[in-house]
Amino acid sequence: MANPWLDGVFGAMMSVEIVNDGPVTLELDSRKFTYDTPMSSRSQTPVSSTEKS
């Protein structure tokens, strides 16, 4: 008998379900942010695209 956790495929797509069983659920969407400097420089804080003029 094959065990799915032993015979899985590395890097395969996964379907994940979450149950909000805590005091707070935060939804983070990093696509709403842009960086003023290249990603190699981590000294800058991301700026929200809605805050830029």
Protein backbone atom coordinates (compact mmCIF):
# COMPACT_ATOMS: atom_id res chain seq x y z
CA MET A 1 0.00 0.00 0.00
CA ALA A 2 1.41 3.37 -1.01
CA ASN A 3 1.61 6.16 1.55
CA PRO A 4 0.76 9.57 0.01
CA TRP A 5 3.08 11.40 2.42
CA LEU A 6 5.98 9.15 1.41
CA ASP A 7 5.29 8.85 -2.31
CA GLY A 8 4.42 12.49 -3.06
CA VAL A 9 5.93 14.70 -5.74
CA PHE A 10 8.39 17.42 -4.70
CA GLY A 11 7.19 20.88 -5.77
CA ALA A 12 3.71 19.67 -6.71
CA MET A 13 0.76 22.07 -6.49
CA MET A 14 -1.22 21.79 -3.26
CA SER A 15 -4.78 22.60 -2.36
CA VAL A 16 -4.90 23.97 1.19
CA GLU A 17 -7.95 24.73 3.31
CA ILE A 18 -7.89 26.88 6.45
CA VAL A 19 -10.22 26.90 9.42
CA ASN A 20 -10.27 30.26 11.18
CA ASP A 21 -9.97 28.89 14.70
CA GLY A 22 -8.28 31.75 16.49
CA PRO A 23 -8.88 35.23 17.84
CA VAL A 24 -7.60 36.98 14.69
CA THR A 25 -7.16 36.12 11.02
CA LEU A 26 -4.90 38.41 8.97
CA GLU A 27 -4.92 38.28 5.18
CA LEU A 28 -1.59 39.38 3.68
CA ASP A 29 -1.30 40.19 -0.02
CA SER A 30 2.26 41.12 -0.96
CA ARG A 31 1.19 42.03 -4.52
CA LYS A 32 -0.17 45.35 -3.18
CA PHE A 33 3.36 46.57 -2.35
CA THR A 34 6.18 47.86 -4.51
CA TYR A 35 9.83 48.27 -3.61
CA ASP A 36 11.80 51.43 -4.33
CA THR A 37 15.08 49.46 -4.42
CA PRO A 38 15.96 46.02 -5.80
CA MET A 39 14.98 43.04 -3.66
CA SER A 40 18.66 42.30 -2.95
CA SER A 41 18.72 45.36 -0.66
CA ARG A 42 16.56 44.49 2.35
CA SER A 43 17.23 47.79 4.16
CA GLN A 44 14.16 49.48 2.66
CA THR A 45 10.64 48.99 3.97
CA PRO A 46 7.99 48.20 1.35
CA VAL A 47 5.70 51.10 0.47
CA SER A 48 2.02 50.51 -0.25
CA SER A 49 1.09 51.37 -3.83
CA THR A 50 -1.88 53.34 -2.47
CA GLU A 51 0.47 55.56 -0.42
CA LYS A 52 2.55 56.65 -3.42
CA SER A 53 1.56 59.81 -5.25
